[in-house]
Amino acid sequence: MLGERIQDLWAQAERLGRPVVTHRKPGVSIDTLEQYFGRSVPPEVALWFGWCNGVAYHPNQTQNDSALVPGYEPLAVEEAASLQDEYPADHILGARWFPILGTGGGDFYAVIGDTESSRRAVASVTIGEPTRIAANSLEDLLDVFIDCFLSGIFHNDSDGFFQADDERWIELEEQAVSNRRRM
């Protein structure tokens, strides 16, 4: 299911003509991930980076061109491991977290949890704000992103810039987290 969600997300970006689709770098092996992260990685993280290892950069490329969701580009494993090494301790992230999407300003989404646990939430880290749980799983987060594409929350403006209705985006994430908790 997660693999299908990853494909669906990229299909939505392609439907909107997002340049990131043609700049996606091929994925990497689990051995490469474990080399960079220095430990085993959860299956979801392996699947994510197995699909895409960041974005190839080209002359005159903008962050907008690299965004898979507004403002956030897929991280290469090297970037993710570096971010993990540089970010201070955080009680929401805990000891085991794996960045997957990031902004040029230091914000990121990270899968949290250890390889022994079946539950791996996704945290949203925004510089200057408290870390929050954005989804109860990577699959749930991708469902939110896909819903944002389908509902027009993620859209290209008249100048071709990738935009989002941030309030509705956060609202969908919060609903997804609270709906799962009620189950």
N, C-alpha and C. Protein backbone atom coordinates (compact mmCIF):
# COMPACT_ATOMS: atom_id res chain seq x y z
N MET A 1 0.80 -1.21 0.00
CA MET A 1 0.00 0.00 0.00
C MET A 1 0.85 1.28 0.00
N LEU A 2 1.90 1.30 0.82
CA LEU A 2 2.72 2.50 0.88
C LEU A 2 3.36 2.78 -0.48
N GLY A 3 3.84 1.74 -1.14
CA GLY A 3 4.43 1.93 -2.46
C GLY A 3 3.44 2.55 -3.44
N GLU A 4 2.18 2.12 -3.37
CA GLU A 4 1.14 2.70 -4.23
C GLU A 4 0.90 4.16 -3.88
N ARG A 5 0.95 4.49 -2.58
CA ARG A 5 0.73 5.88 -2.17
C ARG A 5 1.87 6.77 -2.67
N ILE A 6 3.09 6.26 -2.61
CA ILE A 6 4.23 7.04 -3.11
C ILE A 6 4.04 7.30 -4.61
N GLN A 7 3.66 6.27 -5.36
CA GLN A 7 3.41 6.44 -6.79
C GLN A 7 2.27 7.42 -7.03
N ASP A 8 1.19 7.33 -6.23
CA ASP A 8 0.06 8.25 -6.39
C ASP A 8 0.48 9.70 -6.13
N LEU A 9 1.31 9.91 -5.12
CA LEU A 9 1.77 11.26 -4.82
C LEU A 9 2.55 11.84 -6.00
N TRP A 10 3.48 11.05 -6.53
CA TRP A 10 4.25 11.53 -7.68
C TRP A 10 3.36 11.72 -8.90
N ALA A 11 2.34 10.90 -9.06
CA ALA A 11 1.41 11.06 -10.18
C ALA A 11 0.65 12.38 -10.06
N GLN A 12 0.30 12.77 -8.84
CA GLN A 12 -0.39 14.05 -8.64
C GLN A 12 0.53 15.22 -8.98
N ALA A 13 1.79 15.11 -8.59
CA ALA A 13 2.76 16.17 -8.94
C ALA A 13 2.93 16.25 -10.45
N GLU A 14 2.94 15.09 -11.10
CA GLU A 14 3.06 15.06 -12.56
C GLU A 14 1.81 15.66 -13.21
N ARG A 15 0.64 15.37 -12.66
CA ARG A 15 -0.61 15.91 -13.20
C ARG A 15 -0.59 17.43 -13.22
N LEU A 16 0.04 18.04 -12.19
CA LEU A 16 0.13 19.50 -12.14
C LEU A 16 1.34 20.03 -12.92
N GLY A 17 2.09 19.14 -13.53
CA GLY A 17 3.24 19.58 -14.32
C GLY A 17 4.41 20.07 -13.48
N ARG A 18 4.55 19.53 -12.27
CA ARG A 18 5.63 19.97 -11.39
C ARG A 18 6.98 19.49 -11.92
N PRO A 19 7.95 20.40 -12.06
CA PRO A 19 9.27 20.04 -12.58
C PRO A 19 9.99 18.98 -11.75
N VAL A 20 9.69 18.87 -10.47
CA VAL A 20 10.36 17.89 -9.60
C VAL A 20 10.24 16.48 -10.16
N VAL A 21 9.17 16.21 -10.87
CA VAL A 21 8.95 14.85 -11.40
C VAL A 21 10.08 14.45 -12.33
N THR A 22 10.51 15.35 -13.19
CA THR A 22 11.58 15.02 -14.14
C THR A 22 12.97 15.13 -13.51
N HIS A 23 13.06 15.73 -12.33
CA HIS A 23 14.35 15.91 -11.66
C HIS A 23 14.58 14.90 -10.53
N ARG A 24 13.65 13.98 -10.35
CA ARG A 24 13.76 12.99 -9.27
C ARG A 24 14.96 12.10 -9.53
N LYS A 25 15.81 11.97 -8.50
CA LYS A 25 16.96 11.07 -8.60
C LYS A 25 16.54 9.66 -8.23
N PRO A 26 17.13 8.66 -8.87
CA PRO A 26 16.78 7.27 -8.55
C PRO A 26 17.03 6.95 -7.08
N GLY A 27 16.27 6.00 -6.59
CA GLY A 27 16.39 5.59 -5.20
C GLY A 27 17.69 4.88 -4.90
N VAL A 28 17.89 4.63 -3.60
CA VAL A 28 19.10 3.96 -3.13
C VAL A 28 18.73 2.69 -2.36
N SER A 29 19.71 1.84 -2.18
CA SER A 29 19.50 0.56 -1.49
C SER A 29 19.46 0.76 0.03
N ILE A 30 18.94 -0.24 0.68
CA ILE A 30 18.91 -0.21 2.15
C ILE A 30 20.32 -0.18 2.72
N ASP A 31 21.27 -0.84 2.04
CA ASP A 31 22.66 -0.80 2.50
C ASP A 31 23.19 0.63 2.50
N THR A 32 22.87 1.39 1.47
CA THR A 32 23.29 2.79 1.40
C THR A 32 22.65 3.59 2.52
N LEU A 33 21.36 3.36 2.77
CA LEU A 33 20.68 4.07 3.85
C LEU A 33 21.34 3.78 5.19
N GLU A 34 21.60 2.52 5.45
CA GLU A 34 22.19 2.15 6.73
C GLU A 34 23.61 2.70 6.87
N GLN A 35 24.30 2.83 5.75
CA GLN A 35 25.64 3.42 5.79
C GLN A 35 25.55 4.88 6.21
N TYR A 36 24.64 5.64 5.60
CA TYR A 36 24.52 7.06 5.93
C TYR A 36 23.92 7.30 7.31
N PHE A 37 22.88 6.55 7.67
CA PHE A 37 22.24 6.76 8.96
C PHE A 37 22.98 6.07 10.10
N GLY A 38 23.86 5.15 9.77
CA GLY A 38 24.65 4.49 10.79
C GLY A 38 23.89 3.46 11.61
N ARG A 39 22.72 3.03 11.11
CA ARG A 39 21.90 2.03 11.80
C ARG A 39 20.83 1.54 10.85
N SER A 40 20.09 0.53 11.28
CA SER A 40 19.00 0.02 10.46
C SER A 40 17.91 1.09 10.34
N VAL A 41 17.17 1.00 9.27
CA VAL A 41 16.09 1.97 9.03
C VAL A 41 14.76 1.22 8.95
N PRO A 42 13.67 1.87 9.34
CA PRO A 42 12.35 1.25 9.22
C PRO A 42 12.01 0.97 7.75
N PRO A 43 11.17 -0.02 7.51
CA PRO A 43 10.79 -0.37 6.13
C PRO A 43 10.22 0.80 5.34
N GLU A 44 9.43 1.66 5.99
CA GLU A 44 8.84 2.81 5.29
C GLU A 44 9.91 3.75 4.77
N VAL A 45 10.94 3.96 5.58
CA VAL A 45 12.03 4.85 5.20
C VAL A 45 12.80 4.23 4.03
N ALA A 46 13.03 2.92 4.10
CA ALA A 46 13.71 2.22 3.00
C ALA A 46 12.91 2.33 1.72
N LEU A 47 11.59 2.18 1.81
CA LEU A 47 10.74 2.27 0.62
C LEU A 47 10.76 3.69 0.05
N TRP A 48 10.66 4.70 0.92
CA TRP A 48 10.68 6.10 0.49
C TRP A 48 11.97 6.41 -0.27
N PHE A 49 13.12 6.12 0.35
CA PHE A 49 14.40 6.42 -0.29
C PHE A 49 14.71 5.46 -1.43
N GLY A 50 14.07 4.30 -1.44
CA GLY A 50 14.22 3.38 -2.56
C GLY A 50 13.51 3.91 -3.81
N TRP A 51 12.53 4.76 -3.60
CA TRP A 51 11.78 5.37 -4.70
C TRP A 51 12.47 6.64 -5.21
N CYS A 52 13.02 7.43 -4.29
CA CYS A 52 13.60 8.72 -4.66
C CYS A 52 14.70 9.10 -3.69
N ASN A 53 15.85 9.42 -4.22
CA ASN A 53 16.97 9.89 -3.41
C ASN A 53 17.24 11.36 -3.72
N GLY A 54 16.24 12.17 -3.47
CA GLY A 54 16.39 13.60 -3.66
C GLY A 54 16.14 14.06 -5.09
N VAL A 55 16.60 15.25 -5.37
CA VAL A 55 16.33 15.92 -6.63
C VAL A 55 17.65 16.31 -7.29
N ALA A 56 17.76 16.04 -8.57
CA ALA A 56 18.93 16.47 -9.34
C ALA A 56 18.81 17.98 -9.57
N TYR A 57 19.89 18.68 -9.36
CA TYR A 57 19.87 20.13 -9.51
C TYR A 57 20.40 20.53 -10.88
N HIS A 58 19.79 21.58 -11.44
CA HIS A 58 20.13 22.07 -12.77
C HIS A 58 20.31 23.58 -12.71
N PRO A 59 21.04 24.15 -13.66
CA PRO A 59 21.22 25.60 -13.69
C PRO A 59 19.86 26.32 -13.70
N ASN A 60 19.77 27.38 -12.97
CA ASN A 60 18.58 28.23 -12.88
C ASN A 60 17.39 27.56 -12.21
N GLN A 61 17.60 26.42 -11.61
CA GLN A 61 16.51 25.73 -10.91
C GLN A 61 16.18 26.50 -9.63
N THR A 62 14.90 26.56 -9.32
CA THR A 62 14.46 27.23 -8.09
C THR A 62 13.95 26.19 -7.10
N GLN A 63 13.78 26.61 -5.86
CA GLN A 63 13.20 25.70 -4.87
C GLN A 63 11.79 25.30 -5.30
N ASN A 64 11.07 26.20 -5.92
CA ASN A 64 9.75 25.89 -6.44
C ASN A 64 9.80 24.71 -7.43
N ASP A 65 10.85 24.66 -8.24
CA ASP A 65 11.00 23.58 -9.21
C ASP A 65 11.25 22.23 -8.53
N SER A 66 11.83 22.26 -7.34
CA SER A 66 12.21 21.05 -6.62
C SER A 66 11.15 20.55 -5.65
N ALA A 67 10.08 21.31 -5.47
CA ALA A 67 9.08 20.99 -4.46
C ALA A 67 8.15 19.86 -4.92
N LEU A 68 8.05 18.83 -4.09
CA LEU A 68 7.08 17.75 -4.31
C LEU A 68 5.74 18.13 -3.69
N VAL A 69 5.79 18.77 -2.54
CA VAL A 69 4.63 19.44 -1.95
C VAL A 69 5.08 20.87 -1.71
N PRO A 70 4.20 21.84 -1.69
CA PRO A 70 4.63 23.24 -1.65
C PRO A 70 5.68 23.52 -0.56
N GLY A 71 6.82 23.99 -1.03
CA GLY A 71 7.91 24.36 -0.14
C GLY A 71 8.84 23.23 0.26
N TYR A 72 8.42 21.99 0.08
CA TYR A 72 9.19 20.84 0.55
C TYR A 72 9.67 19.97 -0.61
N GLU A 73 10.96 19.72 -0.61
CA GLU A 73 11.51 18.84 -1.64
C GLU A 73 11.94 17.51 -1.01
N PRO A 74 11.95 16.46 -1.81
CA PRO A 74 12.44 15.18 -1.30
C PRO A 74 13.93 15.31 -0.98
N LEU A 75 14.31 14.85 0.19
CA LEU A 75 15.70 14.92 0.60
C LEU A 75 16.49 13.74 0.05
N ALA A 76 17.73 13.98 -0.28
CA ALA A 76 18.66 12.89 -0.57
C ALA A 76 19.11 12.33 0.77
N VAL A 77 19.49 11.06 0.77
CA VAL A 77 19.89 10.42 2.03
C VAL A 77 21.05 11.18 2.68
N GLU A 78 21.96 11.72 1.90
CA GLU A 78 23.07 12.49 2.46
C GLU A 78 22.56 13.71 3.23
N GLU A 79 21.59 14.42 2.63
CA GLU A 79 21.00 15.59 3.28
C GLU A 79 20.25 15.19 4.55
N ALA A 80 19.49 14.12 4.44
CA ALA A 80 18.70 13.65 5.59
C ALA A 80 19.60 13.27 6.76
N ALA A 81 20.65 12.53 6.49
CA ALA A 81 21.56 12.11 7.56
C ALA A 81 22.27 13.32 8.17
N SER A 82 22.64 14.28 7.32
CA SER A 82 23.29 15.49 7.81
C SER A 82 22.34 16.29 8.69
N LEU A 83 21.10 16.42 8.27
CA LEU A 83 20.10 17.15 9.05
C LEU A 83 19.90 16.47 10.40
N GLN A 84 19.85 15.16 10.38
CA GLN A 84 19.69 14.39 11.60
C GLN A 84 20.84 14.66 12.57
N ASP A 85 22.05 14.78 12.03
CA ASP A 85 23.22 15.03 12.86
C ASP A 85 23.23 16.45 13.43
N GLU A 86 22.66 17.40 12.69
CA GLU A 86 22.73 18.81 13.08
C GLU A 86 21.59 19.28 13.97
N TYR A 87 20.45 18.60 13.92
CA TYR A 87 19.27 19.09 14.65
C TYR A 87 19.38 18.74 16.13
N PRO A 88 19.04 19.67 17.01
CA PRO A 88 19.15 19.39 18.45
C PRO A 88 18.11 18.35 18.92
N ALA A 89 18.34 17.81 20.09
CA ALA A 89 17.42 16.83 20.67
C ALA A 89 16.02 17.43 20.78
N ASP A 90 15.02 16.59 20.53
CA ASP A 90 13.63 17.03 20.54
C ASP A 90 12.79 15.90 21.14
N HIS A 91 11.94 16.23 22.11
CA HIS A 91 11.17 15.17 22.80
C HIS A 91 10.14 14.50 21.89
N ILE A 92 9.64 15.17 20.88
CA ILE A 92 8.69 14.55 19.95
C ILE A 92 9.43 13.60 19.00
N LEU A 93 10.56 14.05 18.48
CA LEU A 93 11.33 13.22 17.56
C LEU A 93 11.95 12.01 18.26
N GLY A 94 12.36 12.18 19.49
CA GLY A 94 13.00 11.09 20.21
C GLY A 94 14.38 10.81 19.64
N ALA A 95 14.85 9.60 19.85
CA ALA A 95 16.21 9.24 19.47
C ALA A 95 16.31 8.72 18.03
N ARG A 96 15.21 8.24 17.46
CA ARG A 96 15.27 7.63 16.13
C ARG A 96 14.27 8.32 15.20
N TRP A 97 14.80 9.10 14.30
CA TRP A 97 13.96 9.80 13.33
C TRP A 97 14.74 9.95 12.03
N PHE A 98 13.97 10.02 10.93
CA PHE A 98 14.55 9.99 9.61
C PHE A 98 13.89 11.04 8.72
N PRO A 99 14.57 12.17 8.46
CA PRO A 99 13.99 13.22 7.60
C PRO A 99 13.76 12.71 6.18
N ILE A 100 12.62 13.09 5.60
CA ILE A 100 12.30 12.64 4.25
C ILE A 100 12.03 13.81 3.29
N LEU A 101 11.47 14.90 3.80
CA LEU A 101 11.17 16.10 3.00
C LEU A 101 11.71 17.30 3.75
N GLY A 102 12.25 18.28 3.03
CA GLY A 102 12.77 19.46 3.71
C GLY A 102 12.61 20.72 2.88
N THR A 103 12.77 21.85 3.56
CA THR A 103 12.72 23.15 2.91
C THR A 103 14.12 23.77 2.92
N GLY A 104 14.29 24.79 2.15
CA GLY A 104 15.56 25.52 2.17
C GLY A 104 15.79 26.25 3.47
N GLY A 105 14.73 26.47 4.25
CA GLY A 105 14.83 27.20 5.51
C GLY A 105 15.02 26.33 6.74
N GLY A 106 15.13 25.03 6.55
CA GLY A 106 15.39 24.15 7.69
C GLY A 106 14.18 23.40 8.23
N ASP A 107 12.99 23.65 7.70
CA ASP A 107 11.81 22.89 8.12
C ASP A 107 11.87 21.51 7.46
N PHE A 108 11.26 20.51 8.10
CA PHE A 108 11.28 19.17 7.51
C PHE A 108 10.17 18.29 8.09
N TYR A 109 9.90 17.22 7.37
CA TYR A 109 9.05 16.12 7.83
C TYR A 109 9.98 14.94 8.09
N ALA A 110 9.74 14.22 9.19
CA ALA A 110 10.59 13.07 9.53
C ALA A 110 9.75 11.92 10.05
N VAL A 111 10.06 10.72 9.59
CA VAL A 111 9.46 9.51 10.14
C VAL A 111 10.14 9.28 11.48
N ILE A 112 9.35 9.05 12.53
CA ILE A 112 9.91 8.81 13.86
C ILE A 112 9.54 7.41 14.33
N GLY A 113 10.39 6.85 15.11
CA GLY A 113 10.15 5.52 15.68
C GLY A 113 11.31 4.61 15.41
N ASP A 114 11.36 3.52 16.14
CA ASP A 114 12.46 2.59 15.96
C ASP A 114 12.04 1.42 15.09
N THR A 115 13.01 0.65 14.66
CA THR A 115 12.73 -0.44 13.74
C THR A 115 11.95 -1.57 14.38
N GLU A 116 11.96 -1.67 15.71
CA GLU A 116 11.24 -2.74 16.39
C GLU A 116 9.75 -2.41 16.55
N SER A 117 9.40 -1.16 16.54
CA SER A 117 8.01 -0.74 16.73
C SER A 117 7.25 -0.77 15.41
N SER A 118 5.98 -1.17 15.47
CA SER A 118 5.16 -1.15 14.26
C SER A 118 4.55 0.22 14.01
N ARG A 119 4.56 1.09 15.01
CA ARG A 119 3.99 2.43 14.86
C ARG A 119 5.10 3.44 14.61
N ARG A 120 5.01 4.11 13.48
CA ARG A 120 5.98 5.14 13.15
C ARG A 120 5.23 6.38 12.66
N ALA A 121 5.09 7.32 13.55
CA ALA A 121 4.43 8.57 13.19
C ALA A 121 5.37 9.42 12.34
N VAL A 122 4.82 10.51 11.81
CA VAL A 122 5.62 11.47 11.07
C VAL A 122 5.48 12.82 11.76
N ALA A 123 6.62 13.44 12.02
CA ALA A 123 6.64 14.74 12.68
C ALA A 123 6.87 15.84 11.65
N SER A 124 6.30 16.99 11.95
CA SER A 124 6.55 18.20 11.18
C SER A 124 7.38 19.11 12.07
N VAL A 125 8.55 19.49 11.58
CA VAL A 125 9.43 20.39 12.31
C VAL A 125 9.49 21.69 11.54
N THR A 126 9.02 22.75 12.17
CA THR A 126 9.06 24.09 11.59
C THR A 126 9.88 24.96 12.52
N ILE A 127 10.94 25.54 11.99
CA ILE A 127 11.84 26.36 12.79
C ILE A 127 11.03 27.45 13.50
N GLY A 128 11.25 27.58 14.80
CA GLY A 128 10.58 28.60 15.59
C GLY A 128 9.23 28.18 16.15
N GLU A 129 8.79 26.96 15.82
CA GLU A 129 7.52 26.45 16.33
C GLU A 129 7.75 25.10 16.98
N PRO A 130 6.84 24.69 17.87
CA PRO A 130 7.01 23.36 18.48
C PRO A 130 6.85 22.25 17.43
N THR A 131 7.63 21.20 17.58
CA THR A 131 7.49 20.03 16.72
C THR A 131 6.13 19.43 16.97
N ARG A 132 5.48 18.95 15.92
CA ARG A 132 4.15 18.36 16.08
C ARG A 132 4.04 17.09 15.26
N ILE A 133 3.15 16.21 15.68
CA ILE A 133 2.85 15.02 14.90
C ILE A 133 1.96 15.44 13.75
N ALA A 134 2.41 15.18 12.52
CA ALA A 134 1.66 15.56 11.32
C ALA A 134 0.81 14.40 10.81
N ALA A 135 1.22 13.16 11.14
CA ALA A 135 0.48 11.98 10.69
C ALA A 135 0.89 10.80 11.56
N ASN A 136 0.02 9.83 11.65
CA ASN A 136 0.28 8.65 12.45
C ASN A 136 1.16 7.63 11.73
N SER A 137 1.37 7.84 10.43
CA SER A 137 2.24 6.96 9.64
C SER A 137 2.60 7.71 8.36
N LEU A 138 3.62 7.21 7.68
CA LEU A 138 3.98 7.82 6.39
C LEU A 138 2.84 7.66 5.39
N GLU A 139 2.18 6.52 5.41
CA GLU A 139 1.06 6.33 4.49
C GLU A 139 -0.05 7.35 4.75
N ASP A 140 -0.34 7.62 6.03
CA ASP A 140 -1.35 8.62 6.36
C ASP A 140 -0.94 10.00 5.86
N LEU A 141 0.34 10.34 6.00
CA LEU A 141 0.81 11.64 5.52
C LEU A 141 0.65 11.74 4.01
N LEU A 142 0.99 10.68 3.30
CA LEU A 142 0.85 10.70 1.84
C LEU A 142 -0.62 10.81 1.44
N ASP A 143 -1.51 10.18 2.20
CA ASP A 143 -2.95 10.33 1.94
C ASP A 143 -3.36 11.79 2.08
N VAL A 144 -2.85 12.48 3.10
CA VAL A 144 -3.16 13.90 3.27
C VAL A 144 -2.64 14.69 2.08
N PHE A 145 -1.40 14.44 1.69
CA PHE A 145 -0.83 15.17 0.55
C PHE A 145 -1.64 14.92 -0.72
N ILE A 146 -2.02 13.69 -0.96
CA ILE A 146 -2.80 13.37 -2.16
C ILE A 146 -4.15 14.07 -2.10
N ASP A 147 -4.79 14.08 -0.93
CA ASP A 147 -6.05 14.82 -0.76
C ASP A 147 -5.85 16.31 -1.04
N CYS A 148 -4.70 16.84 -0.61
CA CYS A 148 -4.41 18.26 -0.86
C CYS A 148 -4.30 18.54 -2.36
N PHE A 149 -3.68 17.65 -3.09
CA PHE A 149 -3.62 17.81 -4.55
C PHE A 149 -5.02 17.74 -5.15
N LEU A 150 -5.77 16.71 -4.79
CA LEU A 150 -7.08 16.48 -5.40
C LEU A 150 -8.10 17.57 -5.08
N SER A 151 -8.00 18.15 -3.89
CA SER A 151 -8.96 19.17 -3.48
C SER A 151 -8.55 20.58 -3.88
N GLY A 152 -7.37 20.74 -4.44
CA GLY A 152 -6.91 22.07 -4.84
C GLY A 152 -6.18 22.82 -3.74
N ILE A 153 -5.99 22.21 -2.58
CA ILE A 153 -5.21 22.85 -1.52
C ILE A 153 -3.79 23.09 -2.02
N PHE A 154 -3.23 22.11 -2.75
CA PHE A 154 -1.97 22.28 -3.46
C PHE A 154 -2.32 22.62 -4.90
N HIS A 155 -1.77 23.72 -5.39
CA HIS A 155 -2.11 24.15 -6.75
C HIS A 155 -1.01 25.05 -7.31
N ASN A 156 -1.01 25.20 -8.62
CA ASN A 156 -0.14 26.17 -9.29
C ASN A 156 -0.92 27.47 -9.40
N ASP A 157 -0.29 28.58 -9.01
CA ASP A 157 -0.97 29.86 -9.18
C ASP A 157 -0.83 30.32 -10.63
N SER A 158 -1.35 31.48 -10.94
CA SER A 158 -1.37 31.97 -12.33
C SER A 158 0.03 32.19 -12.89
N ASP A 159 1.03 32.34 -12.02
CA ASP A 159 2.42 32.49 -12.47
C ASP A 159 3.17 31.16 -12.49
N GLY A 160 2.47 30.06 -12.19
CA GLY A 160 3.09 28.75 -12.19
C GLY A 160 3.80 28.39 -10.90
N PHE A 161 3.65 29.24 -9.88
CA PHE A 161 4.29 28.96 -8.61
C PHE A 161 3.43 27.98 -7.81
N PHE A 162 4.05 26.99 -7.21
CA PHE A 162 3.38 25.94 -6.45
C PHE A 162 2.97 26.52 -5.11
N GLN A 163 1.67 26.54 -4.85
CA GLN A 163 1.12 27.16 -3.65
C GLN A 163 0.29 26.17 -2.84
N ALA A 164 -0.02 26.58 -1.63
CA ALA A 164 -0.90 25.78 -0.76
C ALA A 164 -1.75 26.71 0.09
N ASP A 165 -2.93 26.24 0.41
CA ASP A 165 -3.73 26.88 1.44
C ASP A 165 -3.23 26.24 2.74
N ASP A 166 -2.28 26.91 3.39
CA ASP A 166 -1.60 26.33 4.55
C ASP A 166 -2.55 25.97 5.69
N GLU A 167 -3.54 26.81 5.94
CA GLU A 167 -4.49 26.51 7.02
C GLU A 167 -5.25 25.22 6.76
N ARG A 168 -5.72 25.03 5.54
CA ARG A 168 -6.46 23.80 5.20
C ARG A 168 -5.52 22.59 5.22
N TRP A 169 -4.28 22.77 4.79
CA TRP A 169 -3.29 21.70 4.80
C TRP A 169 -3.06 21.21 6.23
N ILE A 170 -2.80 22.14 7.15
CA ILE A 170 -2.57 21.78 8.56
C ILE A 170 -3.83 21.16 9.15
N GLU A 171 -4.97 21.70 8.80
CA GLU A 171 -6.24 21.16 9.29
C GLU A 171 -6.40 19.69 8.88
N LEU A 172 -6.08 19.36 7.63
CA LEU A 172 -6.16 17.96 7.18
C LEU A 172 -5.19 17.07 7.94
N GLU A 173 -3.99 17.56 8.19
CA GLU A 173 -3.04 16.77 8.99
C GLU A 173 -3.58 16.53 10.39
N GLU A 174 -4.10 17.59 11.01
CA GLU A 174 -4.64 17.45 12.37
C GLU A 174 -5.83 16.49 12.40
N GLN A 175 -6.69 16.56 11.40
CA GLN A 175 -7.83 15.63 11.33
C GLN A 175 -7.36 14.20 11.18
N ALA A 176 -6.37 13.98 10.35
CA ALA A 176 -5.86 12.63 10.13
C ALA A 176 -5.26 12.06 11.43
N VAL A 177 -4.56 12.87 12.18
CA VAL A 177 -3.97 12.40 13.44
C VAL A 177 -5.07 12.11 14.45
N SER A 178 -6.04 13.00 14.59
CA SER A 178 -7.10 12.78 15.58
C SER A 178 -8.04 11.66 15.19
N ASN A 179 -8.29 11.46 13.89
CA ASN A 179 -9.17 10.36 13.46
C ASN A 179 -8.57 9.02 13.79
N ARG A 180 -7.29 8.87 13.61
CA ARG A 180 -6.63 7.59 13.89
C ARG A 180 -6.64 7.33 15.39
N ARG A 181 -6.47 8.37 16.18
CA ARG A 181 -6.44 8.18 17.64
C ARG A 181 -7.77 7.72 18.18
N ARG A 182 -8.86 8.11 17.53
CA ARG A 182 -10.19 7.71 17.99
C ARG A 182 -10.50 6.26 17.68
N MET A 183 -9.81 5.69 16.72
CA MET A 183 -10.11 4.32 16.29
C MET A 183 -9.72 3.31 17.35
